[in-house]
N, C-alpha and C. Protein backbone atom coordinates (compact mmCIF):
# COMPACT_ATOMS: atom_id res chain seq x y z
N MET A 1 0.66 -1.20 0.00
CA MET A 1 0.04 -0.23 0.10
C MET A 1 0.87 1.11 -0.01
N LEU A 2 0.56 2.17 -1.00
CA LEU A 2 1.28 3.55 -0.97
C LEU A 2 0.26 4.60 -0.32
N LEU A 3 1.03 5.19 0.49
CA LEU A 3 0.15 6.47 1.02
C LEU A 3 0.74 7.84 0.98
N GLU A 4 -0.03 8.61 0.73
CA GLU A 4 0.31 10.22 0.75
C GLU A 4 0.24 10.54 2.36
N HIS A 5 1.50 11.36 2.89
CA HIS A 5 1.63 11.90 4.01
C HIS A 5 1.97 13.41 4.11
N ARG A 6 1.27 14.12 4.79
CA ARG A 6 1.78 15.59 4.84
C ARG A 6 2.04 16.20 3.19
N GLY A 7 1.17 15.61 2.10
CA GLY A 7 1.21 16.04 0.85
C GLY A 7 2.46 15.57 0.13
N LYS A 8 3.23 14.51 0.76
CA LYS A 8 4.30 13.87 0.04
C LYS A 8 3.83 12.49 -0.18
N ARG A 9 4.09 12.08 -1.55
CA ARG A 9 3.92 10.66 -1.84
C ARG A 9 5.26 9.69 -2.14
N PRO A 10 4.76 8.49 -1.93
CA PRO A 10 6.30 7.72 -2.36
C PRO A 10 6.48 7.84 -3.90
N HIS A 11 7.86 7.58 -4.26
CA HIS A 11 8.39 7.40 -5.43
C HIS A 11 9.11 6.17 -5.56
N ILE A 12 8.62 5.18 -6.43
CA ILE A 12 9.12 3.95 -6.61
C ILE A 12 9.52 3.89 -8.04
N HIS A 13 10.98 3.41 -8.02
CA HIS A 13 11.32 3.15 -9.39
C HIS A 13 10.56 1.98 -10.18
N PRO A 14 10.35 2.13 -11.33
CA PRO A 14 9.55 1.01 -12.29
C PRO A 14 9.96 -0.37 -11.82
N SER A 15 11.22 -0.59 -11.71
CA SER A 15 11.91 -1.79 -11.63
C SER A 15 11.71 -2.53 -10.24
N ALA A 16 11.39 -1.52 -9.28
CA ALA A 16 11.31 -2.02 -7.97
C ALA A 16 10.29 -3.08 -7.87
N TYR A 17 10.31 -3.67 -6.79
CA TYR A 17 9.20 -4.73 -6.20
C TYR A 17 8.62 -4.35 -4.98
N VAL A 18 7.48 -3.89 -4.87
CA VAL A 18 6.77 -3.55 -3.62
C VAL A 18 5.68 -4.88 -3.17
N ALA A 19 5.72 -5.45 -2.33
CA ALA A 19 5.05 -6.57 -2.08
C ALA A 19 3.41 -6.11 -1.72
N PRO A 20 2.29 -6.91 -1.94
CA PRO A 20 1.09 -6.33 -1.79
C PRO A 20 0.69 -5.94 -0.51
N THR A 21 1.36 -6.68 0.78
CA THR A 21 0.98 -6.22 2.05
C THR A 21 2.14 -5.27 2.83
N ALA A 22 3.12 -5.06 1.97
CA ALA A 22 3.89 -3.74 2.49
C ALA A 22 3.43 -2.52 2.44
N SER A 23 3.75 -1.71 3.06
CA SER A 23 3.31 -0.18 3.54
C SER A 23 4.23 0.81 3.14
N ILE A 24 4.27 1.54 2.30
CA ILE A 24 4.96 2.81 2.22
C ILE A 24 4.41 4.17 2.20
N CYS A 25 4.96 4.94 3.11
CA CYS A 25 4.31 6.23 3.60
C CYS A 25 4.86 7.51 3.55
N GLY A 26 4.40 8.37 2.52
CA GLY A 26 5.23 9.76 2.44
C GLY A 26 6.53 9.91 1.58
N ASP A 27 7.13 10.69 2.21
CA ASP A 27 8.28 11.17 1.32
C ASP A 27 9.41 9.95 1.22
N VAL A 28 9.06 8.94 0.59
CA VAL A 28 10.02 7.64 0.39
C VAL A 28 10.45 7.55 -1.16
N THR A 29 11.57 7.39 -1.15
CA THR A 29 12.26 6.98 -2.61
C THR A 29 12.84 5.64 -2.57
N VAL A 30 12.29 4.58 -3.45
CA VAL A 30 12.85 3.41 -3.65
C VAL A 30 13.43 3.19 -4.89
N GLY A 31 14.79 2.62 -4.79
CA GLY A 31 15.80 2.74 -6.03
C GLY A 31 15.35 1.56 -6.97
N GLU A 32 16.18 1.73 -8.00
CA GLU A 32 16.12 0.58 -8.99
C GLU A 32 16.40 -0.86 -8.47
N ASN A 33 15.45 -1.58 -8.89
CA ASN A 33 15.62 -3.03 -8.61
C ASN A 33 15.67 -3.47 -7.26
N THR A 34 15.12 -2.49 -6.29
CA THR A 34 15.00 -2.67 -4.97
C THR A 34 13.76 -3.55 -4.55
N CYS A 35 13.76 -4.40 -3.48
CA CYS A 35 12.56 -5.40 -3.34
C CYS A 35 12.20 -5.00 -1.84
N ILE A 36 10.86 -4.73 -1.72
CA ILE A 36 10.36 -4.59 -0.33
C ILE A 36 9.07 -5.53 -0.06
N LEU A 37 9.33 -6.64 0.80
CA LEU A 37 8.66 -7.73 0.99
C LEU A 37 7.56 -7.51 1.74
N PHE A 38 6.89 -8.76 1.98
CA PHE A 38 5.54 -8.89 2.66
C PHE A 38 5.75 -8.41 4.08
N GLY A 39 4.85 -7.30 4.60
CA GLY A 39 4.58 -6.91 5.85
C GLY A 39 5.47 -5.64 6.30
N ALA A 40 6.57 -5.40 5.15
CA ALA A 40 7.44 -4.49 5.71
C ALA A 40 6.66 -3.01 5.87
N VAL A 41 7.51 -2.27 6.57
CA VAL A 41 6.66 -0.77 6.68
C VAL A 41 8.07 0.20 6.45
N ILE A 42 7.74 1.24 5.75
CA ILE A 42 8.67 2.22 5.25
C ILE A 42 7.79 3.45 5.54
N SER A 43 8.08 4.38 6.58
CA SER A 43 7.39 5.39 6.91
C SER A 43 8.20 6.70 7.26
N ALA A 44 7.78 7.72 6.42
CA ALA A 44 8.56 8.81 6.34
C ALA A 44 7.53 9.94 6.90
N GLU A 45 7.74 10.38 8.29
CA GLU A 45 6.97 10.90 9.24
C GLU A 45 7.63 12.34 9.46
N GLY A 46 7.44 13.23 8.29
CA GLY A 46 8.22 14.63 8.24
C GLY A 46 9.42 14.63 7.76
N GLY A 47 10.09 13.44 7.88
CA GLY A 47 11.57 13.43 7.38
C GLY A 47 11.38 12.40 6.02
N SER A 48 12.48 12.31 5.32
CA SER A 48 12.46 11.66 4.13
C SER A 48 13.12 10.08 4.34
N VAL A 49 12.74 9.06 3.40
CA VAL A 49 13.53 7.91 3.45
C VAL A 49 13.84 7.77 2.16
N THR A 50 15.20 7.33 1.92
CA THR A 50 15.81 7.06 0.68
C THR A 50 16.40 5.75 0.56
N LEU A 51 15.97 4.63 -0.31
CA LEU A 51 16.63 3.50 -0.35
C LEU A 51 17.25 3.29 -1.72
N GLY A 52 18.43 3.09 -1.75
CA GLY A 52 19.29 3.14 -2.97
C GLY A 52 18.90 1.78 -3.79
N ARG A 53 19.80 1.37 -4.85
CA ARG A 53 19.53 0.41 -6.00
C ARG A 53 19.70 -1.03 -5.29
N GLU A 54 19.05 -2.10 -5.63
CA GLU A 54 19.28 -3.42 -5.38
C GLU A 54 19.39 -3.54 -3.92
N CYS A 55 18.47 -3.01 -3.08
CA CYS A 55 18.49 -3.19 -1.75
C CYS A 55 17.10 -4.29 -1.62
N VAL A 56 17.22 -4.84 -0.23
CA VAL A 56 16.32 -5.68 -0.09
C VAL A 56 15.52 -5.58 1.36
N VAL A 57 14.56 -5.29 1.46
CA VAL A 57 13.82 -4.99 2.99
C VAL A 57 12.82 -6.18 3.09
N MET A 58 13.35 -7.04 3.92
CA MET A 58 12.54 -8.31 4.31
C MET A 58 11.23 -8.21 4.94
N GLU A 59 10.64 -9.28 5.04
CA GLU A 59 9.46 -9.43 5.85
C GLU A 59 9.49 -8.76 7.07
N ASN A 60 8.35 -7.78 7.34
CA ASN A 60 7.99 -7.35 8.74
C ASN A 60 9.15 -6.54 9.24
N ALA A 61 10.06 -5.90 8.15
CA ALA A 61 11.04 -4.77 8.69
C ALA A 61 10.55 -3.40 8.72
N VAL A 62 10.83 -2.84 9.62
CA VAL A 62 10.54 -1.32 9.85
C VAL A 62 11.62 -0.40 9.69
N VAL A 63 11.34 0.65 8.45
CA VAL A 63 12.23 1.67 8.49
C VAL A 63 11.49 3.05 8.56
N ARG A 64 11.94 3.95 9.58
CA ARG A 64 11.09 5.17 9.85
C ARG A 64 11.97 6.34 10.08
N ALA A 65 11.34 7.30 9.47
CA ALA A 65 12.14 8.70 9.63
C ALA A 65 11.12 9.71 10.27
N ALA A 66 11.74 10.67 10.74
CA ALA A 66 11.06 11.90 11.29
C ALA A 66 11.77 13.08 10.94
N ALA A 67 11.08 14.33 11.08
CA ALA A 67 11.69 15.64 10.64
C ALA A 67 13.01 15.73 10.97
N ALA A 68 13.61 15.53 12.11
CA ALA A 68 15.10 15.72 12.34
C ALA A 68 15.86 14.31 12.12
N HIS A 69 15.27 13.41 11.51
CA HIS A 69 15.77 12.21 11.54
C HIS A 69 15.50 11.53 10.34
N PRO A 70 16.04 11.97 9.09
CA PRO A 70 15.71 11.34 7.91
C PRO A 70 16.65 9.87 7.89
N VAL A 71 16.21 9.03 6.92
CA VAL A 71 16.82 7.60 6.81
C VAL A 71 17.33 7.71 5.24
N VAL A 72 18.73 7.27 5.22
CA VAL A 72 19.36 7.47 3.92
C VAL A 72 19.96 5.69 3.73
N VAL A 73 19.71 5.03 3.00
CA VAL A 73 20.29 3.78 2.58
C VAL A 73 21.07 3.70 1.48
N GLY A 74 22.07 3.24 1.35
CA GLY A 74 22.73 3.14 0.01
C GLY A 74 22.57 1.93 -0.94
N ASP A 75 23.26 1.72 -1.88
CA ASP A 75 23.13 0.53 -2.71
C ASP A 75 23.31 -0.78 -2.18
N HIS A 76 22.47 -1.94 -2.69
CA HIS A 76 23.22 -3.31 -2.15
C HIS A 76 23.18 -3.73 -0.66
N VAL A 77 22.21 -2.97 -0.12
CA VAL A 77 21.89 -3.27 1.54
C VAL A 77 20.66 -4.24 1.57
N LEU A 78 20.95 -5.12 2.57
CA LEU A 78 19.86 -6.17 2.90
C LEU A 78 19.57 -5.74 4.29
N ILE A 79 18.15 -5.53 4.55
CA ILE A 79 17.63 -5.29 5.75
C ILE A 79 16.60 -6.36 6.24
N GLY A 80 16.92 -7.29 7.25
CA GLY A 80 16.42 -8.65 7.47
C GLY A 80 15.25 -8.45 8.08
N PRO A 81 14.56 -9.60 8.28
CA PRO A 81 13.08 -9.78 8.72
C PRO A 81 12.87 -9.20 10.08
N GLY A 82 11.94 -8.50 10.37
CA GLY A 82 11.77 -8.06 11.81
C GLY A 82 12.66 -6.95 12.28
N ALA A 83 13.89 -6.28 11.24
CA ALA A 83 14.73 -5.64 11.68
C ALA A 83 14.13 -4.18 11.80
N TYR A 84 14.78 -3.14 12.67
CA TYR A 84 14.23 -1.75 12.81
C TYR A 84 15.15 -0.86 12.77
N LEU A 85 14.90 0.05 11.65
CA LEU A 85 15.58 1.12 11.39
C LEU A 85 15.12 2.63 11.67
N SER A 86 15.73 3.48 12.55
CA SER A 86 14.96 4.87 12.78
C SER A 86 16.06 5.87 12.43
N GLY A 87 15.64 6.92 11.73
CA GLY A 87 16.35 8.06 11.63
C GLY A 87 17.94 7.91 11.52
N CYS A 88 18.29 6.74 10.69
CA CYS A 88 19.81 6.49 10.60
C CYS A 88 20.41 6.77 9.02
N SER A 89 21.47 6.42 9.09
CA SER A 89 22.31 6.50 7.72
C SER A 89 23.08 5.20 7.63
N VAL A 90 22.86 4.52 6.40
CA VAL A 90 23.38 3.23 6.01
C VAL A 90 24.12 3.43 4.68
N GLU A 91 25.41 3.25 4.73
CA GLU A 91 26.15 3.14 3.50
C GLU A 91 26.22 1.93 2.49
N SER A 92 26.57 1.70 1.44
CA SER A 92 26.19 0.71 0.79
C SER A 92 27.01 -0.47 1.08
N GLU A 93 26.27 -1.83 0.53
CA GLU A 93 26.96 -3.03 0.95
C GLU A 93 26.93 -3.13 2.12
N VAL A 94 25.64 -2.98 2.98
CA VAL A 94 25.83 -3.35 4.46
C VAL A 94 24.46 -4.29 4.69
N PHE A 95 25.00 -5.23 5.65
CA PHE A 95 24.25 -6.48 6.04
C PHE A 95 23.43 -6.30 7.51
N ILE A 96 22.31 -5.88 7.29
CA ILE A 96 21.58 -5.92 8.55
C ILE A 96 20.66 -7.47 8.87
N ALA A 97 21.30 -8.08 9.73
CA ALA A 97 20.87 -9.43 10.16
C ALA A 97 19.67 -10.25 9.32
N THR A 98 20.16 -11.29 8.56
CA THR A 98 18.84 -12.12 8.21
C THR A 98 19.00 -13.55 9.00
N ASN A 99 18.28 -14.51 8.33
CA ASN A 99 18.24 -15.51 9.16
C ASN A 99 17.71 -16.63 8.16
N ALA A 100 18.27 -17.66 8.20
CA ALA A 100 18.25 -18.99 7.26
C ALA A 100 16.41 -19.06 7.16
N SER A 101 15.61 -19.03 8.10
CA SER A 101 14.13 -19.07 7.98
C SER A 101 13.74 -17.73 8.27
N VAL A 102 12.99 -17.07 7.21
CA VAL A 102 12.49 -15.64 7.00
C VAL A 102 10.94 -15.63 8.11
N PHE A 103 10.75 -16.77 8.67
CA PHE A 103 9.85 -16.65 9.79
C PHE A 103 10.02 -16.43 11.10
N ILE A 104 11.59 -16.40 11.12
CA ILE A 104 12.16 -16.09 12.41
C ILE A 104 12.84 -14.68 12.36
N ALA A 105 12.17 -13.70 13.09
CA ALA A 105 12.59 -12.31 13.10
C ALA A 105 14.07 -12.32 13.53
N THR A 106 14.66 -11.39 12.98
CA THR A 106 16.14 -11.12 13.31
C THR A 106 16.48 -10.14 14.51
N ASN A 107 15.40 -9.18 14.57
CA ASN A 107 15.40 -8.06 15.49
C ASN A 107 16.49 -7.08 15.57
N ALA A 108 17.25 -6.98 14.69
CA ALA A 108 18.26 -6.03 14.56
C ALA A 108 17.89 -4.66 14.60
N SER A 109 18.41 -3.77 15.16
CA SER A 109 17.80 -2.46 15.46
C SER A 109 19.17 -1.52 15.40
N VAL A 110 18.75 -0.41 14.62
CA VAL A 110 19.57 0.78 14.30
C VAL A 110 18.94 2.04 14.51
N PHE A 111 19.37 2.85 15.56
CA PHE A 111 18.46 4.08 15.96
C PHE A 111 19.02 5.41 15.41
N ASN A 112 18.40 6.49 15.85
CA ASN A 112 18.46 7.96 15.41
C ASN A 112 19.99 8.15 15.35
N HIS A 113 20.27 8.84 14.42
CA HIS A 113 21.58 9.53 13.98
C HIS A 113 22.83 8.50 14.12
N ALA A 114 22.54 7.25 14.11
CA ALA A 114 23.46 6.38 13.72
C ALA A 114 23.99 6.22 12.33
N ARG A 115 25.43 6.04 12.08
CA ARG A 115 25.66 5.78 10.72
C ARG A 115 26.60 4.50 10.45
N LEU A 116 26.15 3.83 9.59
CA LEU A 116 26.59 2.44 9.40
C LEU A 116 27.61 2.51 8.19
N GLY A 117 29.02 2.33 8.34
CA GLY A 117 29.96 2.37 7.25
C GLY A 117 29.80 1.35 6.24
N SER A 118 30.32 1.32 5.12
CA SER A 118 30.17 0.53 3.89
C SER A 118 30.72 -0.86 4.42
N ARG A 119 30.12 -1.65 4.01
CA ARG A 119 30.41 -3.37 4.28
C ARG A 119 30.35 -3.52 5.55
N SER A 120 29.54 -2.93 6.48
CA SER A 120 29.46 -3.20 7.87
C SER A 120 28.18 -4.34 8.01
N GLU A 121 28.36 -4.99 9.29
CA GLU A 121 27.36 -6.14 9.30
C GLU A 121 26.67 -5.85 10.77
N VAL A 122 25.41 -6.14 11.00
CA VAL A 122 24.47 -6.02 12.04
C VAL A 122 24.08 -7.14 12.38
N ARG A 123 24.35 -8.16 13.24
CA ARG A 123 23.94 -9.60 13.17
C ARG A 123 22.83 -9.76 14.07
N ILE A 124 22.07 -10.85 13.96
CA ILE A 124 20.90 -11.14 14.80
C ILE A 124 20.97 -10.78 16.21
N ASN A 125 19.85 -9.79 16.56
CA ASN A 125 19.55 -9.40 17.84
C ASN A 125 20.61 -8.35 18.40
N ALA A 126 21.39 -7.80 17.34
CA ALA A 126 22.56 -6.95 17.57
C ALA A 126 21.72 -5.48 17.44
N MET A 127 22.18 -4.38 18.11
CA MET A 127 21.87 -3.12 18.19
C MET A 127 22.89 -2.06 17.92
N VAL A 128 22.69 -1.18 17.24
CA VAL A 128 23.32 0.17 16.94
C VAL A 128 22.65 1.20 17.47
N HIS A 129 23.34 1.92 18.72
CA HIS A 129 22.43 2.78 19.39
C HIS A 129 22.51 4.33 18.85
N ILE A 130 21.86 5.20 19.43
CA ILE A 130 21.94 6.59 18.80
C ILE A 130 23.30 7.07 18.57
N ARG A 131 23.43 7.83 17.82
CA ARG A 131 24.61 8.78 17.43
C ARG A 131 25.95 7.83 17.38
N THR A 132 25.59 6.65 17.05
CA THR A 132 26.87 5.56 17.05
C THR A 132 27.38 5.69 15.55
N VAL A 133 28.59 5.75 15.57
CA VAL A 133 29.30 5.46 14.07
C VAL A 133 29.96 4.22 13.98
N LEU A 134 29.57 3.24 13.04
CA LEU A 134 30.27 1.95 12.82
C LEU A 134 31.22 2.50 11.62
N PRO A 135 32.65 2.10 12.00
CA PRO A 135 33.40 2.51 10.63
C PRO A 135 33.28 1.20 9.72
N PRO A 136 33.53 1.68 8.39
CA PRO A 136 33.65 0.54 7.30
C PRO A 136 34.13 -0.80 7.85
N ASP A 137 33.49 -2.03 7.28
CA ASP A 137 33.92 -3.28 7.75
C ASP A 137 33.74 -3.67 9.06
N THR A 138 32.87 -3.11 9.92
CA THR A 138 32.78 -3.55 11.27
C THR A 138 31.54 -4.29 11.52
N THR A 139 31.78 -5.40 12.12
CA THR A 139 30.70 -6.35 12.41
C THR A 139 30.45 -6.26 14.11
N VAL A 140 28.91 -6.05 14.13
CA VAL A 140 28.28 -6.15 15.66
C VAL A 140 28.02 -7.37 15.75
N PRO A 141 28.50 -8.18 16.52
CA PRO A 141 28.30 -9.63 16.67
C PRO A 141 26.88 -10.00 17.23
N ILE A 142 26.39 -11.27 17.15
CA ILE A 142 24.87 -11.70 17.52
C ILE A 142 24.70 -11.25 19.02
N GLY A 143 23.61 -10.55 19.15
CA GLY A 143 23.22 -10.08 20.30
C GLY A 143 23.97 -8.78 21.18
N TRP A 144 24.98 -8.35 20.38
CA TRP A 144 26.14 -7.42 21.22
C TRP A 144 25.28 -5.76 20.76
N VAL A 145 25.79 -4.87 21.51
CA VAL A 145 25.30 -3.56 21.44
C VAL A 145 26.55 -2.85 20.97
N ALA A 146 26.28 -1.83 19.78
CA ALA A 146 27.25 -0.81 19.43
C ALA A 146 27.03 0.44 19.95
N ILE A 147 28.03 1.33 20.40
CA ILE A 147 27.42 2.48 21.03
C ILE A 147 28.78 3.37 20.99
N GLY A 148 28.60 4.67 20.57
CA GLY A 148 29.60 5.63 20.56
C GLY A 148 30.15 6.10 19.33
N ASP A 149 31.00 7.05 19.18
CA ASP A 149 31.70 7.30 17.86
C ASP A 149 33.10 7.49 18.39
N PRO A 150 33.92 6.75 17.45
CA PRO A 150 33.78 5.33 16.77
C PRO A 150 33.12 4.45 17.86
N ALA A 151 32.35 3.51 17.34
CA ALA A 151 31.54 2.65 18.13
C ALA A 151 32.31 1.80 19.01
N GLU A 152 31.91 1.62 20.11
CA GLU A 152 32.52 0.55 21.08
C GLU A 152 31.37 -0.75 21.04
N LEU A 153 32.21 -1.87 20.78
CA LEU A 153 31.24 -3.08 20.85
C LEU A 153 31.11 -3.80 22.32
N LEU A 154 29.76 -3.76 22.71
CA LEU A 154 29.60 -4.24 24.15
C LEU A 154 28.70 -5.42 24.18
N PRO A 155 28.86 -6.63 24.97
CA PRO A 155 28.11 -7.88 24.96
C PRO A 155 26.83 -7.40 25.75
N PRO A 156 25.84 -8.21 25.73
CA PRO A 156 24.55 -7.85 26.16
C PRO A 156 24.58 -7.94 27.68
N GLY A 157 25.55 -8.72 28.34
CA GLY A 157 25.67 -8.79 29.74
C GLY A 157 26.13 -7.55 30.56
N GLU A 158 26.87 -6.63 29.49
CA GLU A 158 27.37 -5.68 30.21
C GLU A 158 26.44 -4.31 30.19
N HIS A 159 25.35 -4.38 30.99
CA HIS A 159 24.35 -3.43 31.32
C HIS A 159 24.79 -2.21 31.87
N ASP A 160 25.61 -2.07 32.77
CA ASP A 160 26.10 -0.85 33.32
C ASP A 160 27.06 -0.30 32.44
N ALA A 161 27.81 -0.92 31.70
CA ALA A 161 28.73 -0.12 30.91
C ALA A 161 27.97 0.44 29.77
N ILE A 162 27.18 -0.42 29.19
CA ILE A 162 26.14 0.18 28.02
C ILE A 162 25.14 1.36 28.51
N TRP A 163 24.76 1.24 29.88
CA TRP A 163 23.92 2.35 30.34
C TRP A 163 24.88 3.82 30.54
N GLU A 164 26.18 3.47 30.97
CA GLU A 164 26.91 4.78 31.07
C GLU A 164 27.05 5.41 29.97
N ARG A 165 27.33 4.62 28.84
CA ARG A 165 27.71 5.50 27.59
C ARG A 165 26.51 5.83 27.19
N LEU A 166 25.32 5.20 27.08
CA LEU A 166 24.32 5.63 26.45
C LEU A 166 23.66 6.94 27.13
N ARG A 167 23.84 6.99 28.56
CA ARG A 167 23.46 8.18 29.21
C ARG A 167 24.02 9.51 28.70
N ALA A 168 25.34 9.29 28.55
CA ALA A 168 26.12 10.43 27.88
C ALA A 168 25.73 10.84 26.67
N LEU A 169 25.02 9.67 25.93
CA LEU A 169 24.50 10.33 24.52
C LEU A 169 22.98 11.02 24.53
N ASP A 170 22.61 10.90 25.63
CA ASP A 170 21.36 11.62 25.89
C ASP A 170 20.07 11.26 25.10
N PHE A 171 19.62 10.01 25.44
CA PHE A 171 18.48 9.55 24.29
C PHE A 171 17.23 10.49 24.48
N PRO A 172 16.72 10.95 25.46
CA PRO A 172 15.39 11.79 25.56
C PRO A 172 15.84 13.01 24.64
N ARG A 173 16.81 13.70 24.94
CA ARG A 173 17.07 14.84 23.94
C ARG A 173 17.17 14.68 22.43
N THR A 174 17.93 13.30 22.30
CA THR A 174 18.40 13.09 21.05
C THR A 174 17.16 12.73 19.96
N VAL A 175 16.43 12.01 20.66
CA VAL A 175 15.24 11.55 19.94
C VAL A 175 13.87 12.13 20.12
N TRP A 176 13.65 12.75 21.25
CA TRP A 176 12.27 13.41 21.58
C TRP A 176 12.48 14.94 21.82
N GLY A 177 13.82 15.62 22.07
CA GLY A 177 14.04 17.07 22.25
C GLY A 177 13.64 17.23 23.58
N LEU A 178 13.72 16.31 24.78
CA LEU A 178 13.38 16.54 26.05
C LEU A 178 14.42 16.44 26.92
N GLU A 179 14.61 16.96 28.20
CA GLU A 179 15.46 16.89 29.11
C GLU A 179 15.14 15.66 29.82
N ARG A 180 16.33 14.95 30.29
CA ARG A 180 16.11 13.60 31.09
C ARG A 180 15.24 14.14 32.36
N ALA A 181 14.26 13.28 32.76
CA ALA A 181 13.63 13.58 34.28
C ALA A 181 14.53 13.17 35.26
N ALA A 182 14.28 13.79 36.39
CA ALA A 182 14.81 13.82 37.59
C ALA A 182 14.67 12.37 38.21
N PRO A 183 15.41 11.81 39.26
CA PRO A 183 14.96 10.98 39.80
C PRO A 183 13.46 11.02 40.54
N GLY A 184 12.76 9.98 40.37
CA GLY A 184 11.56 9.92 40.83
C GLY A 184 10.43 10.71 40.18
N GLU A 185 11.01 11.52 38.79
CA GLU A 185 10.02 12.04 38.16
C GLU A 185 10.10 11.29 36.65
N THR A 186 9.04 11.71 35.57
CA THR A 186 9.16 11.02 34.41
C THR A 186 8.83 12.24 33.35
N ILE A 187 9.22 11.70 32.20
CA ILE A 187 8.93 12.68 31.05
C ILE A 187 7.81 12.10 30.13
N MET A 188 7.40 10.99 30.66
CA MET A 188 6.33 10.14 29.85
C MET A 188 5.06 10.92 29.45
N PRO A 189 4.47 11.88 30.17
CA PRO A 189 3.41 12.62 29.72
C PRO A 189 3.62 13.61 28.39
N GLN A 190 4.91 14.31 28.75
CA GLN A 190 5.43 15.37 27.74
C GLN A 190 5.74 14.61 26.33
N MET A 191 6.26 13.36 26.73
CA MET A 191 6.90 12.63 25.51
C MET A 191 5.50 12.09 24.69
N THR A 192 4.76 11.43 25.39
CA THR A 192 3.51 10.87 24.58
C THR A 192 2.59 11.93 24.05
N ASN A 193 2.31 13.08 24.62
CA ASN A 193 1.91 14.34 24.14
C ASN A 193 2.34 14.71 22.86
N ARG A 194 3.55 14.90 22.88
CA ARG A 194 4.24 15.23 21.64
C ARG A 194 4.31 14.43 20.63
N TYR A 195 4.19 13.10 21.08
CA TYR A 195 4.52 12.13 19.79
C TYR A 195 3.18 11.72 19.41
N THR A 196 2.18 11.83 20.16
CA THR A 196 0.90 11.35 19.61
C THR A 196 0.47 12.68 18.69
N ARG A 197 0.79 13.69 19.22
CA ARG A 197 0.59 14.99 18.30
C ARG A 197 0.89 14.95 16.71
N SER A 198 2.07 14.43 16.75
CA SER A 198 2.86 14.17 15.52
C SER A 198 2.27 13.20 14.77
N LEU A 199 2.04 11.95 15.46
CA LEU A 199 1.53 10.96 14.53
C LEU A 199 0.08 11.10 14.09
N ARG A 200 -0.71 11.89 15.00
CA ARG A 200 -2.21 12.15 14.41
C ARG A 200 -2.13 12.77 13.18
N ALA A 201 -0.93 13.28 12.52
CA ALA A 201 -1.04 13.83 11.27
C ALA A 201 -1.40 12.66 10.18
N HIS A 202 -1.19 11.27 10.73
CA HIS A 202 -1.63 10.06 9.87
C HIS A 202 -3.25 10.16 9.65
N LEU A 203 -4.03 11.05 10.28
CA LEU A 203 -5.30 10.88 10.17
C LEU A 203 -5.65 11.59 8.90
N GLU A 204 -4.64 12.44 8.24
CA GLU A 204 -5.08 12.93 6.79
C GLU A 204 -4.44 12.16 5.69
N ASP A 205 -3.78 11.11 6.03
CA ASP A 205 -3.49 10.27 5.15
C ASP A 205 -4.18 9.76 3.89
N ARG A 206 -4.02 9.92 2.73
CA ARG A 206 -4.72 9.26 1.61
C ARG A 206 -4.01 8.05 0.70
N ARG A 207 -4.62 7.36 0.26
CA ARG A 207 -3.95 6.32 -0.75
C ARG A 207 -3.25 6.82 -2.13
N ALA A 208 -2.26 6.52 -2.29
CA ALA A 208 -1.64 7.12 -3.43
C ALA A 208 -1.49 5.68 -4.48
N GLU A 209 -1.95 5.93 -5.55
CA GLU A 209 -1.95 4.67 -6.41
C GLU A 209 -0.76 4.80 -7.43
N GLN A 210 -0.81 4.27 -8.55
CA GLN A 210 0.16 4.05 -9.42
C GLN A 210 0.80 5.30 -9.90
N GLU A 211 0.17 6.43 -10.02
CA GLU A 211 0.88 7.59 -10.52
C GLU A 211 1.90 7.99 -9.45
N ALA A 212 2.13 7.29 -8.32
CA ALA A 212 3.20 7.64 -7.54
C ALA A 212 4.63 7.16 -7.85
N HIS A 213 4.51 6.23 -9.00
CA HIS A 213 5.75 5.73 -9.56
C HIS A 213 6.29 6.78 -10.44
N GLU A 214 7.60 6.38 -10.36
CA GLU A 214 8.66 7.38 -11.40
C GLU A 214 8.40 6.75 -12.76
C-alpha cells in the first residue's frame, strides 16, 4: 500500500518490487531493482526515507524517519526480517541481520543519528544505538550493542557499561528533544503528548496509487 502523508507521496522506481502487504508512507524514494517484501513498513513522518538500488527490505522490517531524523540507505543493502531502523544513515553493501528462515525475526535495531559504514554487518539481535558510528567493515556480533563514535562493541551482559555510555549520548534529547527526568519523575506525559500530536497527522493520509511511480 502506498500512502500520501503531509502532501508527500512515495516515489518507486519502475523496476522495484513492493509486496502487496508492504506499506510505504510519505516522502519515500525506492531505487532501481529494490525489493520491499511482505509486511514491511517504510514510513516518512516529516523526514524523508531514501533507499538505493538493489536493496532488499525483508518481511516485517520497519524503516522510519522523522523531521529531524531522515533515513538514507545506500546501494546493495539487505535489511533482515523484523529489523528496525529509525532515523539513521546506512552506506552501501551493508548487511543487517537475516536468518535462514524468514519466519524468524532477526530483531536487529539501528537508532537515530547512527551511521553504518560500507560493508558493515549488524547480526541477529544486535543493536546500533543513537549517535553511533560504525566504521567500514565493522561487525556487530549476535546480540551485542554498538555505542559511541567511533563505536565501542559491548556484549549484552554489560548493562552498566552500556547504560553509562548511553546516558552520555542523551537519548531523550536526541530522540524527543526533552530533558531527562530527575530521579522520581518522568517525561512520559510530555513525550507521549508530543509524539501522539505528531502521529495524528496520519489521520489525513490518503491512498496513493500507481501515479506515485516514477
